[in-house]
Amino acid sequence: MEPTDEARAEAKAHPGGWVYAIDGKFGPNDAVPPDTIKGAWAVDANGEIVDDFVPNPNYRPTRSPPATIRGMVADDEKPDRLLVIGGVILLAMMAYWVLTWFVPRWWLPF
């Protein structure tokens, strides 16, 4: 696996350590399950990736959003306002249907 531009940027920000490829979206303070780590690249004291990708033998692919590269990358996890508004409208429509169509027919004899 070749390092991406994002991985190289993380290497510059974290010299002398490792840059991990993680499957899923995790914030900088979130606990990352070991089986979601695809592997890592070693970083030298100058912030350059020096070795080949070291795969994690315990990695299991997940059905999560696209993978992120993380040294300490913060992802914006805020829900989209249009999705929230659409969900509220859908919930209101379902409640209206239950109260105007289903409940009266359920209480009345056939």
N, C-alpha and C. Protein backbone atom coordinates (compact mmCIF):
# COMPACT_ATOMS: atom_id res chain seq x y z
N MET A 1 0.86 -1.17 0.00
CA MET A 1 0.00 0.00 0.00
C MET A 1 0.90 1.23 0.00
N GLU A 2 0.68 2.11 -0.94
CA GLU A 2 1.46 3.33 -1.04
C GLU A 2 0.88 4.40 -0.12
N PRO A 3 1.74 5.19 0.52
CA PRO A 3 1.23 6.27 1.38
C PRO A 3 0.55 7.35 0.54
N THR A 4 -0.54 7.86 1.04
CA THR A 4 -1.27 8.93 0.37
C THR A 4 -0.66 10.28 0.77
N ASP A 5 -1.12 11.34 0.12
CA ASP A 5 -0.68 12.68 0.49
C ASP A 5 -1.08 13.00 1.93
N GLU A 6 -2.24 12.53 2.34
CA GLU A 6 -2.70 12.75 3.71
C GLU A 6 -1.79 12.03 4.71
N ALA A 7 -1.35 10.82 4.36
CA ALA A 7 -0.44 10.07 5.24
C ALA A 7 0.90 10.79 5.34
N ARG A 8 1.39 11.32 4.23
CA ARG A 8 2.65 12.06 4.25
C ARG A 8 2.55 13.32 5.11
N ALA A 9 1.40 14.00 5.04
CA ALA A 9 1.18 15.19 5.86
C ALA A 9 1.17 14.82 7.35
N GLU A 10 0.53 13.70 7.68
CA GLU A 10 0.52 13.24 9.07
C GLU A 10 1.92 12.88 9.54
N ALA A 11 2.73 12.30 8.65
CA ALA A 11 4.11 11.96 8.99
C ALA A 11 4.90 13.22 9.33
N LYS A 12 4.70 14.30 8.57
CA LYS A 12 5.38 15.57 8.86
C LYS A 12 4.98 16.10 10.23
N ALA A 13 3.71 15.89 10.60
CA ALA A 13 3.21 16.39 11.89
C ALA A 13 3.63 15.50 13.06
N HIS A 14 4.08 14.26 12.80
CA HIS A 14 4.43 13.30 13.86
C HIS A 14 5.75 12.60 13.56
N PRO A 15 6.87 13.38 13.55
CA PRO A 15 8.16 12.76 13.26
C PRO A 15 8.58 11.77 14.34
N GLY A 16 9.30 10.74 13.91
CA GLY A 16 9.82 9.76 14.86
C GLY A 16 8.79 8.76 15.36
N GLY A 17 7.67 8.66 14.72
CA GLY A 17 6.64 7.73 15.18
C GLY A 17 6.10 6.86 14.05
N TRP A 18 4.82 6.65 14.07
CA TRP A 18 4.14 5.83 13.07
C TRP A 18 2.90 6.56 12.60
N VAL A 19 2.54 6.32 11.35
CA VAL A 19 1.28 6.82 10.80
C VAL A 19 0.45 5.59 10.45
N TYR A 20 -0.77 5.57 10.97
CA TYR A 20 -1.64 4.39 10.83
C TYR A 20 -2.73 4.61 9.79
N ALA A 21 -3.02 3.58 9.02
CA ALA A 21 -4.18 3.58 8.12
C ALA A 21 -5.30 2.86 8.87
N ILE A 22 -6.39 3.58 9.08
CA ILE A 22 -7.50 3.07 9.90
C ILE A 22 -8.75 2.96 9.05
N ASP A 23 -9.46 1.86 9.19
CA ASP A 23 -10.71 1.62 8.48
C ASP A 23 -11.84 2.19 9.32
N GLY A 24 -12.49 3.23 8.84
CA GLY A 24 -13.58 3.85 9.58
C GLY A 24 -13.21 5.26 9.97
N LYS A 25 -14.14 5.93 10.60
CA LYS A 25 -13.92 7.31 11.02
C LYS A 25 -13.86 7.36 12.54
N PHE A 26 -12.73 7.83 13.04
CA PHE A 26 -12.54 8.00 14.46
C PHE A 26 -11.94 9.38 14.69
N GLY A 27 -12.36 10.03 15.76
CA GLY A 27 -11.81 11.33 16.12
C GLY A 27 -10.46 11.16 16.79
N PRO A 28 -9.78 12.27 17.04
CA PRO A 28 -8.43 12.20 17.61
C PRO A 28 -8.40 11.64 19.03
N ASN A 29 -9.50 11.71 19.75
CA ASN A 29 -9.54 11.20 21.12
C ASN A 29 -10.33 9.90 21.26
N ASP A 30 -10.80 9.35 20.15
CA ASP A 30 -11.58 8.11 20.18
C ASP A 30 -10.67 6.90 20.34
N ALA A 31 -11.16 5.89 21.02
CA ALA A 31 -10.45 4.62 21.10
C ALA A 31 -10.64 3.89 19.77
N VAL A 32 -9.55 3.43 19.19
CA VAL A 32 -9.60 2.73 17.91
C VAL A 32 -9.43 1.24 18.17
N PRO A 33 -10.43 0.42 17.81
CA PRO A 33 -10.27 -1.03 17.99
C PRO A 33 -9.11 -1.55 17.14
N PRO A 34 -8.27 -2.42 17.70
CA PRO A 34 -7.10 -2.92 16.97
C PRO A 34 -7.42 -3.57 15.64
N ASP A 35 -8.59 -4.20 15.53
CA ASP A 35 -8.91 -4.89 14.28
C ASP A 35 -9.38 -3.95 13.18
N THR A 36 -9.49 -2.62 13.45
CA THR A 36 -9.82 -1.65 12.40
C THR A 36 -8.59 -0.95 11.84
N ILE A 37 -7.41 -1.28 12.38
CA ILE A 37 -6.16 -0.70 11.88
C ILE A 37 -5.65 -1.56 10.72
N LYS A 38 -5.60 -0.97 9.53
CA LYS A 38 -5.13 -1.71 8.36
C LYS A 38 -3.64 -2.00 8.45
N GLY A 39 -2.89 -1.05 8.99
CA GLY A 39 -1.45 -1.19 9.11
C GLY A 39 -0.83 0.17 9.35
N ALA A 40 0.52 0.26 9.18
CA ALA A 40 1.19 1.52 9.50
C ALA A 40 2.46 1.69 8.67
N TRP A 41 2.92 2.94 8.64
CA TRP A 41 4.21 3.29 8.04
C TRP A 41 5.08 3.88 9.15
N ALA A 42 6.37 3.53 9.16
CA ALA A 42 7.32 4.13 10.10
C ALA A 42 7.70 5.52 9.59
N VAL A 43 7.92 6.44 10.55
CA VAL A 43 8.26 7.82 10.22
C VAL A 43 9.60 8.15 10.88
N ASP A 44 10.53 8.74 10.11
CA ASP A 44 11.83 9.08 10.68
C ASP A 44 11.77 10.41 11.44
N ALA A 45 12.91 10.85 11.96
CA ALA A 45 12.98 12.08 12.77
C ALA A 45 12.69 13.33 11.95
N ASN A 46 12.80 13.24 10.63
CA ASN A 46 12.51 14.39 9.76
C ASN A 46 11.06 14.43 9.31
N GLY A 47 10.25 13.48 9.74
CA GLY A 47 8.84 13.45 9.34
C GLY A 47 8.61 12.82 7.98
N GLU A 48 9.52 11.98 7.53
CA GLU A 48 9.38 11.29 6.25
C GLU A 48 9.03 9.82 6.48
N ILE A 49 8.15 9.27 5.66
CA ILE A 49 7.83 7.85 5.72
C ILE A 49 9.02 7.09 5.15
N VAL A 50 9.61 6.19 5.96
CA VAL A 50 10.87 5.55 5.56
C VAL A 50 10.75 4.09 5.17
N ASP A 51 9.77 3.40 5.64
CA ASP A 51 9.65 1.97 5.35
C ASP A 51 8.38 1.68 4.57
N ASP A 52 8.32 0.44 4.09
CA ASP A 52 7.10 -0.02 3.42
C ASP A 52 5.98 -0.14 4.43
N PHE A 53 4.78 -0.24 3.89
CA PHE A 53 3.59 -0.41 4.71
C PHE A 53 3.68 -1.74 5.46
N VAL A 54 3.40 -1.68 6.76
CA VAL A 54 3.40 -2.90 7.59
C VAL A 54 1.95 -3.26 7.85
N PRO A 55 1.43 -4.32 7.21
CA PRO A 55 0.01 -4.67 7.39
C PRO A 55 -0.25 -5.25 8.78
N ASN A 56 -1.46 -5.03 9.26
CA ASN A 56 -1.89 -5.58 10.54
C ASN A 56 -2.51 -6.96 10.27
N PRO A 57 -1.93 -8.03 10.82
CA PRO A 57 -2.49 -9.37 10.56
C PRO A 57 -3.86 -9.57 11.20
N ASN A 58 -4.23 -8.73 12.16
CA ASN A 58 -5.53 -8.86 12.84
C ASN A 58 -6.61 -7.95 12.24
N TYR A 59 -6.28 -7.25 11.14
CA TYR A 59 -7.25 -6.34 10.53
C TYR A 59 -8.42 -7.11 9.94
N ARG A 60 -9.63 -6.60 10.23
CA ARG A 60 -10.86 -7.13 9.63
C ARG A 60 -11.61 -5.97 9.00
N PRO A 61 -11.88 -6.02 7.69
CA PRO A 61 -12.60 -4.92 7.04
C PRO A 61 -13.98 -4.73 7.66
N THR A 62 -14.40 -3.47 7.75
CA THR A 62 -15.71 -3.13 8.29
C THR A 62 -16.56 -2.53 7.20
N ARG A 63 -17.85 -2.42 7.47
CA ARG A 63 -18.77 -1.78 6.52
C ARG A 63 -19.03 -0.36 6.98
N SER A 64 -17.97 0.35 7.28
CA SER A 64 -18.07 1.73 7.75
C SER A 64 -17.78 2.69 6.61
N PRO A 65 -17.88 3.99 6.88
CA PRO A 65 -17.52 4.96 5.85
C PRO A 65 -16.08 4.77 5.39
N PRO A 66 -15.68 5.43 4.30
CA PRO A 66 -14.34 5.22 3.77
C PRO A 66 -13.25 5.38 4.81
N ALA A 67 -12.16 4.66 4.59
CA ALA A 67 -11.05 4.67 5.54
C ALA A 67 -10.41 6.05 5.63
N THR A 68 -9.85 6.33 6.78
CA THR A 68 -9.13 7.58 6.99
C THR A 68 -7.69 7.26 7.36
N ILE A 69 -6.82 8.19 7.11
CA ILE A 69 -5.43 8.09 7.54
C ILE A 69 -5.34 8.91 8.81
N ARG A 70 -4.69 8.36 9.82
CA ARG A 70 -4.67 9.10 11.08
C ARG A 70 -3.32 9.07 11.75
N GLY A 71 -2.81 10.25 11.99
CA GLY A 71 -1.81 10.46 13.01
C GLY A 71 -2.68 11.00 14.12
N MET A 72 -3.21 12.18 13.89
CA MET A 72 -4.23 12.79 14.75
C MET A 72 -5.13 13.65 13.88
N VAL A 73 -5.92 13.03 13.04
CA VAL A 73 -6.81 13.74 12.12
C VAL A 73 -8.19 13.84 12.76
N ALA A 74 -8.74 15.04 12.82
CA ALA A 74 -10.08 15.22 13.38
C ALA A 74 -11.08 15.23 12.24
N ASP A 75 -12.07 14.37 12.31
CA ASP A 75 -13.13 14.32 11.30
C ASP A 75 -14.33 15.09 11.82
N ASP A 76 -15.02 15.78 10.92
CA ASP A 76 -16.23 16.49 11.30
C ASP A 76 -17.36 15.47 11.35
N GLU A 77 -17.83 15.17 12.55
CA GLU A 77 -18.84 14.14 12.74
C GLU A 77 -20.25 14.72 12.89
N LYS A 78 -20.42 16.02 12.66
CA LYS A 78 -21.73 16.63 12.83
C LYS A 78 -22.68 16.15 11.74
N PRO A 79 -23.93 15.82 12.11
CA PRO A 79 -24.88 15.36 11.09
C PRO A 79 -25.27 16.51 10.16
N ASP A 80 -25.58 16.18 8.94
CA ASP A 80 -26.00 17.15 7.96
C ASP A 80 -27.37 17.69 8.35
N ARG A 81 -27.53 19.00 8.35
CA ARG A 81 -28.81 19.60 8.79
C ARG A 81 -29.99 19.17 7.92
N LEU A 82 -29.75 19.02 6.62
CA LEU A 82 -30.85 18.60 5.75
C LEU A 82 -31.33 17.20 6.10
N LEU A 83 -30.42 16.30 6.48
CA LEU A 83 -30.83 14.96 6.87
C LEU A 83 -31.64 14.99 8.16
N VAL A 84 -31.25 15.83 9.10
CA VAL A 84 -31.99 15.94 10.36
C VAL A 84 -33.38 16.50 10.10
N ILE A 85 -33.47 17.56 9.30
CA ILE A 85 -34.76 18.17 8.99
C ILE A 85 -35.65 17.17 8.24
N GLY A 86 -35.05 16.45 7.28
CA GLY A 86 -35.83 15.45 6.54
C GLY A 86 -36.34 14.35 7.46
N GLY A 87 -35.54 13.92 8.42
CA GLY A 87 -35.97 12.90 9.37
C GLY A 87 -37.12 13.38 10.24
N VAL A 88 -37.06 14.64 10.67
CA VAL A 88 -38.14 15.20 11.49
C VAL A 88 -39.43 15.28 10.67
N ILE A 89 -39.33 15.71 9.43
CA ILE A 89 -40.52 15.79 8.57
C ILE A 89 -41.10 14.40 8.34
N LEU A 90 -40.25 13.42 8.08
CA LEU A 90 -40.72 12.06 7.87
C LEU A 90 -41.41 11.52 9.12
N LEU A 91 -40.85 11.77 10.28
CA LEU A 91 -41.45 11.33 11.54
C LEU A 91 -42.82 11.99 11.74
N ALA A 92 -42.92 13.28 11.44
CA ALA A 92 -44.20 13.99 11.57
C ALA A 92 -45.24 13.41 10.60
N MET A 93 -44.83 13.10 9.37
CA MET A 93 -45.76 12.52 8.40
C MET A 93 -46.25 11.14 8.85
N MET A 94 -45.34 10.35 9.40
CA MET A 94 -45.75 9.03 9.88
C MET A 94 -46.72 9.14 11.05
N ALA A 95 -46.47 10.07 11.98
CA ALA A 95 -47.36 10.27 13.12
C ALA A 95 -48.74 10.72 12.63
N TYR A 96 -48.78 11.62 11.65
CA TYR A 96 -50.05 12.07 11.09
C TYR A 96 -50.83 10.91 10.48
N TRP A 97 -50.12 10.05 9.72
CA TRP A 97 -50.78 8.90 9.10
C TRP A 97 -51.36 7.96 10.16
N VAL A 98 -50.60 7.69 11.19
CA VAL A 98 -51.08 6.78 12.24
C VAL A 98 -52.30 7.37 12.92
N LEU A 99 -52.26 8.65 13.24
CA LEU A 99 -53.37 9.27 13.98
C LEU A 99 -54.61 9.50 13.12
N THR A 100 -54.47 9.70 11.82
CA THR A 100 -55.64 10.00 10.99
C THR A 100 -56.18 8.80 10.21
N TRP A 101 -55.35 7.81 9.96
CA TRP A 101 -55.84 6.69 9.17
C TRP A 101 -55.86 5.40 9.96
N PHE A 102 -54.81 5.04 10.59
CA PHE A 102 -54.70 3.74 11.23
C PHE A 102 -55.51 3.66 12.53
N VAL A 103 -55.36 4.63 13.41
CA VAL A 103 -56.03 4.57 14.72
C VAL A 103 -57.55 4.55 14.59
N PRO A 104 -58.17 5.44 13.80
CA PRO A 104 -59.64 5.38 13.69
C PRO A 104 -60.14 4.04 13.13
N ARG A 105 -59.46 3.44 12.20
CA ARG A 105 -59.90 2.17 11.62
C ARG A 105 -59.68 1.02 12.59
N TRP A 106 -58.67 1.15 13.43
CA TRP A 106 -58.38 0.09 14.39
C TRP A 106 -59.42 0.09 15.52
N TRP A 107 -59.89 1.27 15.91
CA TRP A 107 -60.85 1.35 17.01
C TRP A 107 -62.28 1.05 16.56
N LEU A 108 -62.60 1.31 15.31
CA LEU A 108 -63.95 1.11 14.84
C LEU A 108 -64.18 -0.34 14.42
N PRO A 109 -65.33 -0.88 14.71
CA PRO A 109 -65.60 -2.26 14.26
C PRO A 109 -65.79 -2.28 12.73
N PHE A 110 -65.51 -3.41 12.16
CA PHE A 110 -65.63 -3.55 10.69
C PHE A 110 -67.02 -3.85 10.27
